[in-house]
Protein backbone atom coordinates (compact mmCIF):
# COMPACT_ATOMS: atom_id res chain seq x y z
CA MET A 1 83.77 22.19 -15.55
CA ILE A 2 86.02 20.74 -18.41
CA GLN A 3 85.22 17.17 -16.84
CA ARG A 4 81.19 17.98 -17.03
CA VAL A 5 81.84 19.14 -20.69
CA ARG A 6 83.54 15.82 -21.59
CA GLN A 7 80.93 13.75 -19.83
CA PHE A 8 78.21 15.50 -21.69
CA VAL A 9 80.05 14.68 -25.12
CA ARG A 10 80.68 11.21 -24.21
CA ALA A 11 76.79 10.94 -23.07
CA VAL A 12 75.70 12.56 -26.43
CA THR A 13 77.74 10.02 -28.44
CA ALA A 14 77.46 6.89 -26.26
CA ARG A 15 76.78 3.72 -28.06
CA VAL A 16 76.71 0.19 -26.87
CA THR A 17 78.72 -2.30 -28.75
CA GLN A 18 78.52 -5.79 -28.96
CA ALA A 19 81.73 -6.22 -27.18
CA ASP A 20 80.25 -4.20 -24.27
CA ARG A 21 77.12 -6.45 -24.24
CA ASP A 22 79.69 -9.33 -24.08
CA TYR A 23 81.23 -7.89 -21.26
CA VAL A 24 77.95 -7.10 -19.34
CA ALA A 25 77.13 -10.82 -19.93
CA ARG A 26 80.25 -12.07 -18.52
CA VAL A 27 80.34 -9.90 -15.40
CA LEU A 28 76.65 -10.41 -14.97
CA PRO A 29 75.72 -13.70 -15.87
CA ALA A 30 71.88 -14.47 -16.09
CA SER A 31 72.56 -17.77 -14.23
CA ALA A 32 74.13 -16.37 -11.19
CA TYR A 33 72.50 -12.81 -11.13
CA PRO A 34 69.02 -13.09 -12.27
CA GLY A 35 67.55 -9.83 -13.04
CA ALA A 36 71.07 -7.86 -12.77
CA GLN A 37 71.33 -7.63 -16.77
CA GLU A 38 67.59 -6.36 -17.03
CA LEU A 39 68.57 -3.45 -14.32
CA PHE A 40 71.65 -2.82 -16.49
CA TYR A 41 69.84 -2.40 -19.74
CA ARG A 42 66.91 -0.39 -18.11
CA MET A 43 69.36 2.59 -17.76
CA HIS A 44 69.69 5.18 -20.38
CA PRO A 45 72.33 3.97 -22.90
CA ALA A 46 74.56 7.07 -21.84
CA ASP A 47 74.56 5.65 -18.36
CA GLN A 48 75.20 2.22 -19.88
CA VAL A 49 78.45 3.39 -21.40
CA HIS A 50 79.34 5.46 -18.36
CA ALA A 51 78.98 2.26 -16.24
CA LEU A 52 81.15 0.26 -18.47
CA ASN A 53 83.85 2.88 -18.35
CA VAL A 54 83.48 2.96 -14.61
CA ALA A 55 84.11 -0.79 -14.51
CA ARG A 56 87.16 -0.64 -17.01
CA THR A 57 88.62 2.20 -14.77
CA ALA A 58 87.94 0.38 -11.62
CA GLU A 59 89.75 -2.66 -12.77
CA GLN A 60 92.55 -0.52 -13.78
CA LEU A 61 92.73 1.14 -10.45
CA ALA A 62 92.42 -2.20 -8.43
CA THR A 63 95.29 -3.79 -10.30
CA GLY A 64 97.75 -1.31 -8.60
CA CYS A 65 96.03 -1.59 -5.27
CA ARG A 66 98.10 -3.14 -2.45
CA VAL A 67 95.39 -4.72 -0.58
CA ALA A 68 93.05 -7.57 -1.52
CA VAL A 69 90.34 -6.46 -3.77
CA ASP A 70 87.10 -8.77 -4.69
CA MET A 71 87.21 -7.96 -8.49
CA ASP A 72 84.26 -9.80 -9.26
CA LEU A 73 82.20 -7.89 -6.76
CA LEU A 74 84.01 -4.61 -7.75
CA LEU A 75 83.03 -5.15 -11.42
CA ARG A 76 79.30 -6.04 -10.75
CA ALA A 77 79.08 -2.82 -8.49
CA ALA A 78 80.77 -0.60 -11.22
CA LEU A 79 78.21 -1.91 -13.87
CA LEU A 80 75.28 -1.54 -11.39
CA HIS A 81 76.22 1.41 -9.49
CA ASP A 82 73.46 3.82 -11.50
CA VAL A 83 70.58 1.37 -11.93
CA GLY A 84 68.58 3.86 -9.69
CA ARG A 85 68.29 5.90 -12.52
CA GLU A 86 66.24 4.08 -15.38
CA LYS A 87 65.77 5.52 -18.95
CA GLY A 88 62.83 7.95 -18.78
CA ASP A 89 63.74 9.24 -15.15
CA LEU A 90 66.96 11.23 -16.20
CA ASP A 91 67.79 11.77 -19.75
CA ILE A 92 70.95 13.81 -21.01
CA TRP A 93 69.50 17.21 -20.67
CA GLY A 94 67.85 16.39 -17.18
CA LYS A 95 70.92 15.21 -15.83
CA VAL A 96 72.64 18.89 -17.22
CA PHE A 97 69.69 20.48 -15.59
CA CYS A 98 70.01 18.65 -12.07
CA VAL A 99 73.69 19.27 -12.23
CA LEU A 100 73.50 23.16 -12.59
CA MET A 101 70.38 23.02 -10.16
CA TYR A 102 72.31 21.24 -7.47
CA HIS A 103 75.32 23.52 -8.09
CA TYR A 104 73.75 26.80 -8.27
CA LEU A 105 70.39 26.46 -6.32
CA PRO A 106 70.60 23.35 -4.15
CA SER A 107 67.64 24.18 -1.61
CA LEU A 108 65.41 24.83 -4.47
CA ALA A 109 66.31 21.77 -6.32
CA ARG A 110 65.35 20.08 -2.84
CA ARG A 111 62.45 21.54 -2.39
CA TRP A 112 61.23 20.63 -5.97
CA GLN A 113 61.97 17.19 -5.49
CA CYS A 114 59.17 14.75 -6.07
CA ALA A 115 59.46 10.69 -5.74
CA ALA A 116 56.94 10.10 -8.49
CA ALA A 117 55.92 11.95 -11.42
CA ARG A 118 52.23 11.43 -11.42
CA HIS A 119 51.59 14.70 -13.84
CA PRO A 120 53.69 15.81 -16.60
CA TRP A 121 54.58 19.06 -14.60
CA GLN A 122 56.25 16.87 -11.73
CA LYS A 123 58.90 15.28 -14.40
CA ILE A 124 61.26 18.01 -13.32
CA GLY A 125 60.77 17.33 -9.67
CA HIS A 126 61.15 13.51 -10.09
CA ALA A 127 64.25 14.10 -12.13
CA LEU A 128 65.89 16.11 -9.23
CA TYR A 129 64.62 13.33 -6.83
CA VAL A 130 66.23 10.73 -8.91
CA TYR A 131 69.44 12.63 -9.31
CA GLU A 132 70.20 12.80 -5.74
CA HIS A 133 68.39 9.75 -4.59
CA HIS A 134 69.70 7.27 -7.25
CA PRO A 135 72.28 5.28 -4.98
CA ALA A 136 69.38 4.38 -2.56
CA ILE A 137 67.06 3.68 -5.27
CA GLY A 138 69.40 1.47 -7.02
CA ALA A 139 70.48 -0.13 -3.70
CA GLY A 140 66.79 -1.11 -3.09
CA ARG A 141 66.58 -2.48 -6.51
CA LEU A 142 69.39 -4.77 -6.29
CA ARG A 143 68.30 -5.94 -2.65
CA ARG A 144 65.02 -7.04 -4.34
CA ILE A 145 66.99 -9.26 -6.79
CA GLY A 146 69.47 -10.72 -3.89
CA MET A 147 72.35 -8.86 -4.70
CA GLU A 148 72.95 -7.34 -0.89
CA ALA A 149 76.70 -7.00 -1.25
CA GLU A 150 76.57 -4.78 -4.37
CA ALA A 151 73.60 -2.75 -2.89
CA GLY A 152 75.71 -2.06 0.43
CA ILE A 153 78.45 -0.59 -2.04
CA ILE A 154 76.49 1.44 -4.44
CA GLU A 155 74.31 2.98 -1.82
CA HIS A 156 77.33 4.96 -0.50
CA HIS A 157 79.28 5.66 -3.82
CA HIS A 158 78.60 9.28 -3.62
CA GLU A 159 79.48 9.80 0.02
CA ARG A 160 83.12 10.58 0.66
CA PRO A 161 85.10 7.44 1.09
CA LEU A 162 86.12 6.73 4.45
CA PRO A 163 89.29 4.51 5.15
CA GLU A 164 86.96 1.93 6.93
CA ARG A 165 84.84 1.46 4.14
CA PRO A 166 85.20 -1.56 1.98
CA VAL A 167 88.26 -1.14 -0.67
CA GLU A 168 85.61 -2.06 -3.22
CA LEU A 169 83.79 1.00 -2.60
CA ARG A 170 86.59 3.36 -2.39
CA LEU A 171 87.93 2.12 -5.94
CA LEU A 172 84.27 2.49 -7.19
CA SER A 173 83.92 6.14 -6.26
CA GLU A 174 87.33 7.11 -7.61
CA ALA A 175 86.47 5.29 -10.81
CA ASP A 176 83.31 7.09 -11.01
CA GLU A 177 84.55 10.43 -10.15
CA LEU A 178 87.43 9.84 -13.11
CA ASN A 179 84.50 9.15 -15.50
C-alpha cells in the first residue's frame, strides 16, 4: 500500500523536463521509429514520467545482468510499455479508482468494462477496460507502426515473468514493479 501511495504522489507531481524530452528523442528517434514519440506523448504526463522512471530503472537493472541484454530494445519497450493508456482514457483519479476496483471488486470491475465510451456514463467502464487491457492495446498500436519486437514485450509486461521469456521482458516487468 505504501508503494501505491508513493505512486500517487509521484503521479500528482509529475512533470516532464527538457532533459526527459531529450532522452525520449535519443531512445525513440523519429527517423528510426516514426510514430513512437507521438504514442509516447499521447500518454498522460504522469504515465510519461512513470515510463521514464521505468526506463532508467531497467537500465540500472540491466547493467548488473549476467546475460546479454538488448539495451536499445529494453529502453524502447520501457518508454512505450504503457502506450495503451492515452491521456483521457485513464487519468490519475481514474487509475486510483481502477486499482481499488480490481483489488476489492474484481468481478464487478470486469462486468463494468466497455471497450469504447460512446456515452459519458460509459467512461468508468472504459477506464476499467483500458486499465486491464492496456498491454494488448499498446502492443496493437506498436504493431501498427512497425515496432513488432517492442509489441511482443509490452503485451506480456503484466504477466508473471517466466524463465523462458526474453530477458528484456523480465527486466521491464521488474522495473515497472519498482516504479
